Amino acid sequence: MENRLDFVSIGEVMIQLNNITPGPLRYARYFETHVAGSEANVMVGLRKLGHRTGLITRVGNDEFGEMILRTLRGEDIDITHVRVMDEAPTGIYFVQRHFPIPGKSTVIYYRHGSAASYMSEDDIDEKYIKRASVLFLTGITPALSESCYRAVAKARSIALENGLDVVFDTNIRIKLWKSADNARSKLIPLIHGSRIVLTNKEDLEILFPGKGVADAAKSLFNMGAEIVVVKKGEEGSELYSKDGRFFEEKAISIPFVEDVIGAGDAFDAAFLSIFYRSRDLRMALRYANIAGALVATVRGDIEAQPSIKELEILGRYIKERMDYLR
């Protein structure tokens, strides 16, 4: 019998080119290369936290595709369902940091026609999905192409039919969807039936215009959600539970922000890890904030994702202000 997986996901993995110095890219001369992509970031984060994870995607038969494969193998992600294409390239994107808004990052994509955009229902193997306990989805992959949308819809249907938990991070990228109305009409059906929804205030306004966060959470409960987590960046995070519980955690104060890209994915991984280990919602929210803060202190999305031990060290330091590394 094939090994079980705790989590499986589907999504594009790209090469991130991150300017070594902050400021406008028009003056950039040197870039660091990183491997990144929201769903892959979460799978890597969960693997570092001790869970068995797998990813469904496509990469180009090129040097960047090989870099991605080597990185995923190195992080011990199951890549048996990653397809290598001769006909399309691996996607790339550039990160511009601290300009025009200090502390914020801008992303410039070169992913149109990438290998991952050709993912389809043929990439979704029912037996592979059934090997997992949880299917993690985001609002990014279904926006890449119509065939990607159908692939995500098929994976979701298989998961729900076979009793898997579906976790959905709304992660709405208007640049990909072209309009809020299009994002809303396409994503609402995919979110239906998700046990956990991870989101933010901006996405909730797109999905449920004019409702406000609390009422939007109620709408998600009516769609089957049990837990709604709202990420608020430097303001922290909050959680709404269908049984009426509410938790709020302040953001973790860090001495500097290098790059906020990827912090939300680290948040997701830590939240899901703690929740599925302990069902302790407040602890899950607290450790998720810590993981997101850690990732924001470096360039790259996966490099500073923590292990459980590292989460605990920083958690104790924040609480007691004692140096545990001596």
C-alpha atoms as a PDB file:
ATOM      1  CA  MET A   1       0.000   0.000   0.000  1.00  0.00           C
ATOM      2  CA  GLU A   2       1.251   3.476  -0.929  1.00  0.00           C
ATOM      3  CA  ASN A   3       2.333   5.767   1.886  1.00  0.00           C
ATOM      4  CA  ARG A   4      -0.328   8.048   3.299  1.00  0.00           C
ATOM      5  CA  LEU A   5      -0.068  11.827   3.020  1.00  0.00           C
ATOM      6  CA  ASP A   6      -1.315  14.311   5.572  1.00  0.00           C
ATOM      7  CA  PHE A   7      -1.806  17.149   3.074  1.00  0.00           C
ATOM      8  CA  VAL A   8      -1.861  17.416  -0.696  1.00  0.00           C
ATOM      9  CA  SER A   9      -2.264  20.492  -2.896  1.00  0.00           C
ATOM     10  CA  ILE A  10      -2.279  21.678  -6.497  1.00  0.00           C
ATOM     11  CA  GLY A  11      -0.594  24.863  -7.671  1.00  0.00           C
ATOM     12  CA  GLU A  12       2.094  26.562  -9.692  1.00  0.00           C
ATOM     13  CA  VAL A  13       5.677  26.667  -8.470  1.00  0.00           C
ATOM     14  CA  MET A  14       7.809  29.445  -9.937  1.00  0.00           C
ATOM     15  CA  ILE A  15      11.232  30.952  -9.796  1.00  0.00           C
ATOM     16  CA  GLN A  16      11.318  34.116  -7.712  1.00  0.00           C
ATOM     17  CA  LEU A  17      13.903  36.739  -8.654  1.00  0.00           C
ATOM     18  CA  ASN A  18      14.296  39.009  -5.654  1.00  0.00           C
ATOM     19  CA  ASN A  19      16.305  42.211  -5.937  1.00  0.00           C
ATOM     20  CA  ILE A  20      19.179  42.082  -3.431  1.00  0.00           C
ATOM     21  CA  THR A  21      18.716  45.752  -2.577  1.00  0.00           C
ATOM     22  CA  PRO A  22      15.334  47.413  -1.925  1.00  0.00           C
ATOM     23  CA  GLY A  23      13.903  50.001  -4.273  1.00  0.00           C
ATOM     24  CA  PRO A  24      12.537  50.246  -7.825  1.00  0.00           C
ATOM     25  CA  LEU A  25      13.473  47.418 -10.176  1.00  0.00           C
ATOM     26  CA  ARG A  26      14.489  49.903 -12.881  1.00  0.00           C
ATOM     27  CA  TYR A  27      17.727  50.313 -10.936  1.00  0.00           C
ATOM     28  CA  ALA A  28      18.143  46.653  -9.950  1.00  0.00           C
ATOM     29  CA  ARG A  29      21.353  44.929 -11.056  1.00  0.00           C
ATOM     30  CA  TYR A  30      21.598  41.837  -8.862  1.00  0.00           C
ATOM     31  CA  PHE A  31      18.914  39.308  -7.983  1.00  0.00           C
ATOM     32  CA  GLU A  32      18.647  36.303  -5.683  1.00  0.00           C
ATOM     33  CA  THR A  33      16.906  33.224  -7.046  1.00  0.00           C
ATOM     34  CA  HIS A  34      14.314  31.438  -4.910  1.00  0.00           C
ATOM     35  CA  VAL A  35      11.712  28.728  -5.471  1.00  0.00           C
ATOM     36  CA  ALA A  36       8.199  29.780  -4.487  1.00  0.00           C
ATOM     37  CA  GLY A  37       4.485  29.436  -5.121  1.00  0.00           C
ATOM     38  CA  SER A  38       1.700  29.712  -2.569  1.00  0.00           C
ATOM     39  CA  GLU A  39       0.550  26.094  -2.465  1.00  0.00           C
ATOM     40  CA  ALA A  40       4.111  24.761  -2.605  1.00  0.00           C
ATOM     41  CA  ASN A  41       5.120  27.166   0.173  1.00  0.00           C
ATOM     42  CA  VAL A  42       2.392  25.777   2.414  1.00  0.00           C
ATOM     43  CA  MET A  43       3.339  22.175   1.640  1.00  0.00           C
ATOM     44  CA  VAL A  44       6.988  22.934   2.450  1.00  0.00           C
ATOM     45  CA  GLY A  45       5.983  24.715   5.648  1.00  0.00           C
ATOM     46  CA  LEU A  46       3.867  21.772   6.750  1.00  0.00           C
ATOM     47  CA  ARG A  47       6.658  19.325   5.923  1.00  0.00           C
ATOM     48  CA  LYS A  48       9.091  21.318   8.080  1.00  0.00           C
ATOM     49  CA  LEU A  49       6.515  21.046  10.849  1.00  0.00           C
ATOM     50  CA  GLY A  50       6.535  17.259  10.557  1.00  0.00           C
ATOM     51  CA  HIS A  51       3.670  16.478   8.167  1.00  0.00           C
ATOM     52  CA  ARG A  52       3.823  14.367   5.009  1.00  0.00           C
ATOM     53  CA  THR A  53       2.870  16.497   2.019  1.00  0.00           C
ATOM     54  CA  GLY A  54       2.502  16.180  -1.737  1.00  0.00           C
ATOM     55  CA  LEU A  55       2.067  18.590  -4.632  1.00  0.00           C
ATOM     56  CA  ILE A  56       0.426  18.377  -8.035  1.00  0.00           C
ATOM     57  CA  THR A  57       1.870  20.753 -10.621  1.00  0.00           C
ATOM     58  CA  ARG A  58       3.656  21.110 -13.963  1.00  0.00           C
ATOM     59  CA  VAL A  59       7.055  22.645 -14.648  1.00  0.00           C
ATOM     60  CA  GLY A  60       8.953  23.290 -17.847  1.00  0.00           C
ATOM     61  CA  ASN A  61      11.686  20.997 -19.109  1.00  0.00           C
ATOM     62  CA  ASP A  62      14.257  23.702 -18.471  1.00  0.00           C
ATOM     63  CA  GLU A  63      16.860  24.727 -15.916  1.00  0.00           C
ATOM     64  CA  PHE A  64      14.314  26.538 -13.754  1.00  0.00           C
ATOM     65  CA  GLY A  65      12.050  23.489 -13.757  1.00  0.00           C
ATOM     66  CA  GLU A  66      15.001  21.381 -12.658  1.00  0.00           C
ATOM     67  CA  MET A  67      15.725  23.859  -9.856  1.00  0.00           C
ATOM     68  CA  ILE A  68      12.160  23.518  -8.632  1.00  0.00           C
ATOM     69  CA  LEU A  69      12.273  19.713  -8.716  1.00  0.00           C
ATOM     70  CA  ARG A  70      15.559  19.641  -6.820  1.00  0.00           C
ATOM     71  CA  THR A  71      14.234  22.066  -4.211  1.00  0.00           C
ATOM     72  CA  LEU A  72      11.010  20.129  -3.634  1.00  0.00           C
ATOM     73  CA  ARG A  73      12.940  16.869  -3.375  1.00  0.00           C
ATOM     74  CA  GLY A  74      15.325  18.505  -0.929  1.00  0.00           C
ATOM     75  CA  GLU A  75      12.383  19.582   1.226  1.00  0.00           C
ATOM     76  CA  ASP A  76      11.020  16.010   1.108  1.00  0.00           C
ATOM     77  CA  ILE A  77       7.813  16.903  -0.729  1.00  0.00           C
ATOM     78  CA  ASP A  78       6.157  14.053  -2.640  1.00  0.00           C
ATOM     79  CA  ILE A  79       6.551  15.020  -6.313  1.00  0.00           C
ATOM     80  CA  THR A  80       5.325  11.826  -7.936  1.00  0.00           C
ATOM     81  CA  HIS A  81       2.525  13.861  -9.536  1.00  0.00           C
ATOM     82  CA  VAL A  82       4.651  16.697 -10.895  1.00  0.00           C
ATOM     83  CA  ARG A  83       4.670  16.675 -14.698  1.00  0.00           C
ATOM     84  CA  VAL A  84       7.576  18.039 -16.760  1.00  0.00           C
ATOM     85  CA  MET A  85       6.578  19.684 -20.064  1.00  0.00           C
ATOM     86  CA  ASP A  86       8.679  20.209 -23.177  1.00  0.00           C
ATOM     87  CA  GLU A  87       6.104  22.536 -24.734  1.00  0.00           C
ATOM     88  CA  ALA A  88       5.960  25.317 -22.131  1.00  0.00           C
ATOM     89  CA  PRO A  89       8.417  27.074 -19.809  1.00  0.00           C
ATOM     90  CA  THR A  90       8.565  27.351 -16.042  1.00  0.00           C
ATOM     91  CA  GLY A  91       6.994  30.569 -14.760  1.00  0.00           C
ATOM     92  CA  ILE A  92       9.057  33.312 -13.127  1.00  0.00           C
ATOM     93  CA  TYR A  93       8.340  36.482 -11.184  1.00  0.00           C
ATOM     94  CA  PHE A  94      10.199  39.455  -9.781  1.00  0.00           C
ATOM     95  CA  VAL A  95       9.856  41.016  -6.336  1.00  0.00           C
ATOM     96  CA  GLN A  96      10.238  44.759  -5.747  1.00  0.00           C
ATOM     97  CA  ARG A  97      10.659  45.526  -2.039  1.00  0.00           C
ATOM     98  CA  HIS A  98      10.019  48.678   0.025  1.00  0.00           C
ATOM     99  CA  PHE A  99       8.970  50.764  -2.998  1.00  0.00           C
ATOM    100  CA  PRO A 100       6.803  52.736  -3.423  1.00  0.00           C
ATOM    101  CA  ILE A 101       5.561  51.795   0.082  1.00  0.00           C
ATOM    102  CA  PRO A 102       8.224  50.992   2.718  1.00  0.00           C
ATOM    103  CA  GLY A 103       7.680  47.602   4.312  1.00  0.00           C
ATOM    104  CA  LYS A 104       5.610  46.332   1.379  1.00  0.00           C
ATOM    105  CA  SER A 105       6.535  44.224  -1.644  1.00  0.00           C
ATOM    106  CA  THR A 106       5.279  44.308  -5.231  1.00  0.00           C
ATOM    107  CA  VAL A 107       5.185  41.233  -7.464  1.00  0.00           C
ATOM    108  CA  ILE A 108       5.673  41.311 -11.240  1.00  0.00           C
ATOM    109  CA  TYR A 109       4.721  38.026 -12.931  1.00  0.00           C
ATOM    110  CA  TYR A 110       5.980  36.426 -16.133  1.00  0.00           C
ATOM    111  CA  ARG A 111       3.796  33.338 -15.976  1.00  0.00           C
ATOM    112  CA  HIS A 112       1.407  33.625 -18.940  1.00  0.00           C
ATOM    113  CA  GLY A 113       1.603  30.395 -20.942  1.00  0.00           C
ATOM    114  CA  SER A 114       3.727  28.690 -18.293  1.00  0.00           C
ATOM    115  CA  ALA A 115       3.760  24.916 -17.917  1.00  0.00           C
ATOM    116  CA  ALA A 116       1.575  25.089 -14.820  1.00  0.00           C
ATOM    117  CA  SER A 117      -1.111  27.045 -16.660  1.00  0.00           C
ATOM    118  CA  TYR A 118      -1.703  23.900 -18.759  1.00  0.00           C
ATOM    119  CA  MET A 119      -2.686  21.798 -15.754  1.00  0.00           C
ATOM    120  CA  SER A 120      -5.986  20.054 -16.378  1.00  0.00           C
ATOM    121  CA  GLU A 121      -8.287  17.372 -15.043  1.00  0.00           C
ATOM    122  CA  ASP A 122      -5.835  14.815 -16.457  1.00  0.00           C
ATOM    123  CA  ASP A 123      -3.375  15.862 -13.720  1.00  0.00           C
ATOM    124  CA  ILE A 124      -5.815  14.911 -10.963  1.00  0.00           C
ATOM    125  CA  ASP A 125      -5.457  11.267  -9.939  1.00  0.00           C
ATOM    126  CA  GLU A 126      -8.276  10.170  -7.651  1.00  0.00           C
ATOM    127  CA  LYS A 127      -6.087   7.552  -5.957  1.00  0.00           C
ATOM    128  CA  TYR A 128      -3.483  10.202  -5.175  1.00  0.00           C
ATOM    129  CA  ILE A 129      -6.008  12.614  -3.657  1.00  0.00           C
ATOM    130  CA  LYS A 130      -7.428   9.777  -1.549  1.00  0.00           C
ATOM    131  CA  ARG A 131      -3.975   9.090  -0.078  1.00  0.00           C
ATOM    132  CA  ALA A 132      -4.247  12.382   1.827  1.00  0.00           C
ATOM    133  CA  SER A 133      -6.273  13.474   4.844  1.00  0.00           C
ATOM    134  CA  VAL A 134      -6.538  17.142   3.826  1.00  0.00           C
ATOM    135  CA  LEU A 135      -6.711  18.888   0.450  1.00  0.00           C
ATOM    136  CA  PHE A 136      -5.306  22.425   0.518  1.00  0.00           C
ATOM    137  CA  LEU A 137      -6.513  24.801  -2.213  1.00  0.00           C
ATOM    138  CA  THR A 138      -6.131  28.499  -2.966  1.00  0.00           C
ATOM    139  CA  GLY A 139      -7.811  31.073  -5.166  1.00  0.00           C
ATOM    140  CA  ILE A 140      -4.656  31.436  -7.254  1.00  0.00           C
ATOM    141  CA  THR A 141      -4.531  28.221  -9.280  1.00  0.00           C
ATOM    142  CA  PRO A 142      -8.124  28.346 -10.590  1.00  0.00           C
ATOM    143  CA  ALA A 143      -7.374  31.837 -11.951  1.00  0.00           C
ATOM    144  CA  LEU A 144      -4.473  30.664 -14.147  1.00  0.00           C
ATOM    145  CA  SER A 145      -6.600  29.148 -16.919  1.00  0.00           C
ATOM    146  CA  GLU A 146      -9.922  27.442 -17.534  1.00  0.00           C
ATOM    147  CA  SER A 147      -8.217  24.041 -17.500  1.00  0.00           C
ATOM    148  CA  CYS A 148      -6.615  24.870 -14.140  1.00  0.00           C
ATOM    149  CA  TYR A 149     -10.021  25.833 -12.788  1.00  0.00           C
ATOM    150  CA  ARG A 150     -11.445  22.481 -13.852  1.00  0.00           C
ATOM    151  CA  ALA A 151      -8.477  20.672 -12.309  1.00  0.00           C
ATOM    152  CA  VAL A 152      -9.045  22.368  -8.952  1.00  0.00           C
ATOM    153  CA  ALA A 153     -12.784  21.693  -9.155  1.00  0.00           C
ATOM    154  CA  LYS A 154     -12.132  17.997  -9.825  1.00  0.00           C
ATOM    155  CA  ALA A 155      -9.667  17.718  -6.926  1.00  0.00           C
ATOM    156  CA  ARG A 156     -12.188  19.404  -4.618  1.00  0.00           C
ATOM    157  CA  SER A 157     -15.008  17.081  -5.693  1.00  0.00           C
ATOM    158  CA  ILE A 158     -12.872  13.973  -5.141  1.00  0.00           C
ATOM    159  CA  ALA A 159     -11.857  15.207  -1.701  1.00  0.00           C
ATOM    160  CA  LEU A 160     -15.405  15.958  -0.574  1.00  0.00           C
ATOM    161  CA  GLU A 161     -16.766  12.690  -1.967  1.00  0.00           C
ATOM    162  CA  ASN A 162     -14.133  10.729  -0.063  1.00  0.00           C
ATOM    163  CA  GLY A 163     -14.396  12.486   3.289  1.00  0.00           C
ATOM    164  CA  LEU A 164     -11.203  14.566   3.140  1.00  0.00           C
ATOM    165  CA  ASP A 165     -11.114  17.949   4.807  1.00  0.00           C
ATOM    166  CA  VAL A 166     -10.850  20.780   2.280  1.00  0.00           C
ATOM    167  CA  VAL A 167      -8.939  23.866   3.393  1.00  0.00           C
ATOM    168  CA  PHE A 168      -9.262  26.936   1.169  1.00  0.00           C
ATOM    169  CA  ASP A 169      -7.121  30.074   1.245  1.00  0.00           C
ATOM    170  CA  THR A 170      -8.983  32.685  -0.807  1.00  0.00           C
ATOM    171  CA  ASN A 171      -5.720  34.394  -1.886  1.00  0.00           C
ATOM    172  CA  ILE A 172      -7.456  36.517  -4.534  1.00  0.00           C
ATOM    173  CA  ARG A 173      -5.160  38.049  -7.153  1.00  0.00           C
ATOM    174  CA  ILE A 174      -7.220  40.542  -9.141  1.00  0.00           C
ATOM    175  CA  LYS A 175      -4.448  40.767 -11.764  1.00  0.00           C
ATOM    176  CA  LEU A 176      -5.205  37.134 -12.607  1.00  0.00           C
ATOM    177  CA  TRP A 177      -9.002  37.257 -12.317  1.00  0.00           C
ATOM    178  CA  LYS A 178      -9.257  40.601 -14.199  1.00  0.00           C
ATOM    179  CA  SER A 179     -12.225  41.724 -12.086  1.00  0.00           C
ATOM    180  CA  ALA A 180     -13.746  41.318  -8.637  1.00  0.00           C
ATOM    181  CA  ASP A 181     -17.003  40.074 -10.156  1.00  0.00           C
ATOM    182  CA  ASN A 182     -15.207  37.307 -12.025  1.00  0.00           C
ATOM    183  CA  ALA A 183     -13.277  36.278  -8.926  1.00  0.00           C
ATOM    184  CA  ARG A 184     -16.466  36.181  -6.866  1.00  0.00           C
ATOM    185  CA  SER A 185     -18.515  34.146  -9.334  1.00  0.00           C
ATOM    186  CA  LYS A 186     -15.763  31.579  -9.894  1.00  0.00           C
ATOM    187  CA  LEU A 187     -14.497  31.184  -6.336  1.00  0.00           C
ATOM    188  CA  ILE A 188     -17.749  30.933  -4.377  1.00  0.00           C
ATOM    189  CA  PRO A 189     -18.569  27.468  -5.844  1.00  0.00           C
ATOM    190  CA  LEU A 190     -15.050  26.226  -5.079  1.00  0.00           C
ATOM    191  CA  ILE A 191     -15.157  27.433  -1.468  1.00  0.00           C
ATOM    192  CA  HIS A 192     -18.434  25.602  -0.759  1.00  0.00           C
ATOM    193  CA  GLY A 193     -17.826  22.638   1.516  1.00  0.00           C
ATOM    194  CA  SER A 194     -14.439  23.784   2.839  1.00  0.00           C
ATOM    195  CA  ARG A 195     -13.959  22.997   6.513  1.00  0.00           C
ATOM    196  CA  ILE A 196     -11.440  25.800   7.063  1.00  0.00           C
ATOM    197  CA  VAL A 197     -11.285  29.069   5.118  1.00  0.00           C
ATOM    198  CA  LEU A 198      -8.187  31.261   5.424  1.00  0.00           C
ATOM    199  CA  THR A 199      -8.667  34.773   4.116  1.00  0.00           C
ATOM    200  CA  ASN A 200      -8.236  38.513   4.726  1.00  0.00           C
ATOM    201  CA  LYS A 201     -10.456  41.581   4.922  1.00  0.00           C
ATOM    202  CA  GLU A 202      -9.826  42.573   1.305  1.00  0.00           C
ATOM    203  CA  ASP A 203     -10.780  39.149  -0.045  1.00  0.00           C
ATOM    204  CA  LEU A 204     -13.919  39.007   2.102  1.00  0.00           C
ATOM    205  CA  GLU A 205     -15.004  42.365   0.696  1.00  0.00           C
ATOM    206  CA  ILE A 206     -14.613  40.956  -2.832  1.00  0.00           C
ATOM    207  CA  LEU A 207     -16.509  37.758  -2.025  1.00  0.00           C
ATOM    208  CA  PHE A 208     -19.229  39.355   0.124  1.00  0.00           C
ATOM    209  CA  PRO A 209     -19.296  43.069  -0.729  1.00  0.00           C
ATOM    210  CA  GLY A 210     -20.561  45.370   2.006  1.00  0.00           C
ATOM    211  CA  LYS A 211     -21.071  42.640   4.612  1.00  0.00           C
ATOM    212  CA  GLY A 212     -18.200  43.248   6.984  1.00  0.00           C
ATOM    213  CA  VAL A 213     -15.898  40.563   8.371  1.00  0.00           C
ATOM    214  CA  ALA A 214     -18.222  39.008  10.957  1.00  0.00           C
ATOM    215  CA  ASP A 215     -21.180  38.756   8.578  1.00  0.00           C
ATOM    216  CA  ALA A 216     -18.929  37.434   5.811  1.00  0.00           C
ATOM    217  CA  ALA A 217     -17.778  34.712   8.204  1.00  0.00           C
ATOM    218  CA  LYS A 218     -21.429  33.798   8.802  1.00  0.00           C
ATOM    219  CA  SER A 219     -21.921  33.500   5.050  1.00  0.00           C
ATOM    220  CA  LEU A 220     -18.965  31.097   4.920  1.00  0.00           C
ATOM    221  CA  PHE A 221     -20.497  29.073   7.762  1.00  0.00           C
ATOM    222  CA  ASN A 222     -23.660  28.774   5.661  1.00  0.00           C
ATOM    223  CA  MET A 223     -21.441  27.363   2.885  1.00  0.00           C
ATOM    224  CA  GLY A 224     -20.156  24.612   5.172  1.00  0.00           C
ATOM    225  CA  ALA A 225     -17.131  26.193   6.840  1.00  0.00           C
ATOM    226  CA  GLU A 226     -16.449  25.431  10.511  1.00  0.00           C
ATOM    227  CA  ILE A 227     -13.524  27.833  10.965  1.00  0.00           C
ATOM    228  CA  VAL A 228     -12.773  31.169   9.290  1.00  0.00           C
ATOM    229  CA  VAL A 229      -9.332  32.671   9.861  1.00  0.00           C
ATOM    230  CA  VAL A 230      -8.776  36.313   8.908  1.00  0.00           C
ATOM    231  CA  LYS A 231      -5.153  37.360   8.359  1.00  0.00           C
ATOM    232  CA  LYS A 232      -4.560  41.058   9.050  1.00  0.00           C
ATOM    233  CA  GLY A 233      -0.812  41.454   8.503  1.00  0.00           C
ATOM    234  CA  GLU A 234       0.736  43.920  10.930  1.00  0.00           C
ATOM    235  CA  GLU A 235      -2.569  44.006  12.844  1.00  0.00           C
ATOM    236  CA  GLY A 236      -2.407  40.293  13.659  1.00  0.00           C
ATOM    237  CA  SER A 237      -5.199  37.820  12.990  1.00  0.00           C
ATOM    238  CA  GLU A 238      -8.616  36.731  14.168  1.00  0.00           C
ATOM    239  CA  LEU A 239     -10.656  33.554  14.071  1.00  0.00           C
ATOM    240  CA  TYR A 240     -14.388  32.905  13.868  1.00  0.00           C
ATOM    241  CA  SER A 241     -15.768  29.465  14.703  1.00  0.00           C
ATOM    242  CA  LYS A 242     -19.153  28.147  13.658  1.00  0.00           C
ATOM    243  CA  ASP A 243     -19.870  27.236  17.285  1.00  0.00           C
ATOM    244  CA  GLY A 244     -19.598  30.921  18.238  1.00  0.00           C
ATOM    245  CA  ARG A 245     -16.031  31.115  19.512  1.00  0.00           C
ATOM    246  CA  PHE A 246     -13.921  34.129  18.570  1.00  0.00           C
ATOM    247  CA  PHE A 247     -10.183  34.589  19.049  1.00  0.00           C
ATOM    248  CA  GLU A 248      -7.918  37.501  18.213  1.00  0.00           C
ATOM    249  CA  GLU A 249      -4.122  37.575  18.337  1.00  0.00           C
ATOM    250  CA  LYS A 250      -1.906  40.622  17.961  1.00  0.00           C
ATOM    251  CA  ALA A 251       0.874  40.624  15.386  1.00  0.00           C
ATOM    252  CA  ILE A 252       4.372  39.680  16.478  1.00  0.00           C
ATOM    253  CA  SER A 253       6.653  42.697  16.752  1.00  0.00           C
ATOM    254  CA  ILE A 254       9.816  42.140  14.707  1.00  0.00           C
ATOM    255  CA  PRO A 255      12.822  44.475  14.456  1.00  0.00           C
ATOM    256  CA  PHE A 256      12.722  44.728  10.658  1.00  0.00           C
ATOM    257  CA  VAL A 257      10.790  43.589   7.605  1.00  0.00           C
ATOM    258  CA  GLU A 258      12.816  42.292   4.686  1.00  0.00           C
ATOM    259  CA  ASP A 259      10.071  40.874   2.453  1.00  0.00           C
ATOM    260  CA  VAL A 260       6.442  40.154   3.353  1.00  0.00           C
ATOM    261  CA  ILE A 261       5.892  37.839   0.363  1.00  0.00           C
ATOM    262  CA  GLY A 262       5.321  34.311   1.653  1.00  0.00           C
ATOM    263  CA  ALA A 263       4.418  35.321   5.212  1.00  0.00           C
ATOM    264  CA  GLY A 264       0.772  34.392   4.677  1.00  0.00           C
ATOM    265  CA  ASP A 265       1.743  30.934   3.440  1.00  0.00           C
ATOM    266  CA  ALA A 266       3.909  30.327   6.516  1.00  0.00           C
ATOM    267  CA  PHE A 267       0.935  31.490   8.613  1.00  0.00           C
ATOM    268  CA  ASP A 268      -1.277  28.897   6.902  1.00  0.00           C
ATOM    269  CA  ALA A 269       1.194  26.068   7.444  1.00  0.00           C
ATOM    270  CA  ALA A 270       1.674  26.805  11.143  1.00  0.00           C
ATOM    271  CA  PHE A 271      -2.039  27.271  11.771  1.00  0.00           C
ATOM    272  CA  LEU A 272      -2.954  23.998  10.071  1.00  0.00           C
ATOM    273  CA  SER A 273      -0.152  22.084  11.772  1.00  0.00           C
ATOM    274  CA  ILE A 274      -1.119  23.172  15.278  1.00  0.00           C
ATOM    275  CA  PHE A 275      -4.835  22.800  14.627  1.00  0.00           C
ATOM    276  CA  TYR A 276      -4.602  19.253  13.302  1.00  0.00           C
ATOM    277  CA  ARG A 277      -2.220  18.293  16.101  1.00  0.00           C
ATOM    278  CA  SER A 278      -4.114  19.754  19.050  1.00  0.00           C
ATOM    279  CA  ARG A 279      -7.407  21.367  17.928  1.00  0.00           C
ATOM    280  CA  ASP A 280      -6.266  24.338  20.056  1.00  0.00           C
ATOM    281  CA  LEU A 281      -7.529  27.294  18.020  1.00  0.00           C
ATOM    282  CA  ARG A 282      -5.908  30.038  20.070  1.00  0.00           C
ATOM    283  CA  MET A 283      -2.518  28.320  20.046  1.00  0.00           C
ATOM    284  CA  ALA A 284      -2.809  27.697  16.303  1.00  0.00           C
ATOM    285  CA  LEU A 285      -3.507  31.382  15.708  1.00  0.00           C
ATOM    286  CA  ARG A 286      -0.619  32.472  17.942  1.00  0.00           C
ATOM    287  CA  TYR A 287       1.938  30.192  16.300  1.00  0.00           C
ATOM    288  CA  ALA A 288       0.673  31.153  12.846  1.00  0.00           C
ATOM    289  CA  ASN A 289       1.443  34.799  13.622  1.00  0.00           C
ATOM    290  CA  ILE A 290       4.940  33.801  14.764  1.00  0.00           C
ATOM    291  CA  ALA A 291       5.645  31.811  11.606  1.00  0.00           C
ATOM    292  CA  GLY A 292       4.467  34.639   9.365  1.00  0.00           C
ATOM    293  CA  ALA A 293       6.656  37.140  11.200  1.00  0.00           C
ATOM    294  CA  LEU A 294       9.739  34.929  10.847  1.00  0.00           C
ATOM    295  CA  VAL A 295       9.337  34.592   7.086  1.00  0.00           C
ATOM    296  CA  ALA A 296       8.993  38.374   6.684  1.00  0.00           C
ATOM    297  CA  THR A 297      12.528  38.843   8.052  1.00  0.00           C
ATOM    298  CA  VAL A 298      14.254  37.252   5.031  1.00  0.00           C
ATOM    299  CA  ARG A 299      14.148  37.276   1.249  1.00  0.00           C
ATOM    300  CA  GLY A 300      12.475  34.159  -0.130  1.00  0.00           C
ATOM    301  CA  ASP A 301       9.283  32.377   0.877  1.00  0.00           C
ATOM    302  CA  ILE A 302      10.439  29.045   2.324  1.00  0.00           C
ATOM    303  CA  GLU A 303      13.897  29.695   3.723  1.00  0.00           C
ATOM    304  CA  ALA A 304      12.776  30.924   7.163  1.00  0.00           C
ATOM    305  CA  GLN A 305       9.772  28.668   7.582  1.00  0.00           C
ATOM    306  CA  PRO A 306      10.191  27.188  11.075  1.00  0.00           C
ATOM    307  CA  SER A 307      10.153  23.744  12.613  1.00  0.00           C
ATOM    308  CA  ILE A 308       8.030  23.100  15.698  1.00  0.00           C
ATOM    309  CA  LYS A 309      11.127  23.530  17.875  1.00  0.00           C
ATOM    310  CA  GLU A 310      11.911  26.898  16.314  1.00  0.00           C
ATOM    311  CA  LEU A 311       8.310  28.053  16.727  1.00  0.00           C
ATOM    312  CA  GLU A 312       8.441  27.119  20.389  1.00  0.00           C
ATOM    313  CA  ILE A 313      11.773  28.906  20.929  1.00  0.00           C
ATOM    314  CA  LEU A 314      10.472  32.169  19.505  1.00  0.00           C
ATOM    315  CA  GLY A 315       7.158  31.727  21.295  1.00  0.00           C
ATOM    316  CA  ARG A 316       8.918  31.392  24.645  1.00  0.00           C
ATOM    317  CA  TYR A 317      11.196  34.332  23.871  1.00  0.00           C
ATOM    318  CA  ILE A 318       8.231  36.565  23.040  1.00  0.00           C
ATOM    319  CA  LYS A 319       6.524  35.544  26.284  1.00  0.00           C
ATOM    320  CA  GLU A 320       9.512  35.691  28.643  1.00  0.00           C
ATOM    321  CA  ARG A 321      12.140  37.774  26.791  1.00  0.00           C
ATOM    322  CA  MET A 322      14.837  35.246  27.621  1.00  0.00           C
ATOM    323  CA  ASP A 323      17.604  34.086  25.275  1.00  0.00           C
ATOM    324  CA  TYR A 324      17.120  30.363  24.611  1.00  0.00           C
ATOM    325  CA  LEU A 325      19.918  30.075  22.055  1.00  0.00           C
ATOM    326  CA  ARG A 326      22.903  30.414  24.420  1.00  0.00           C
END
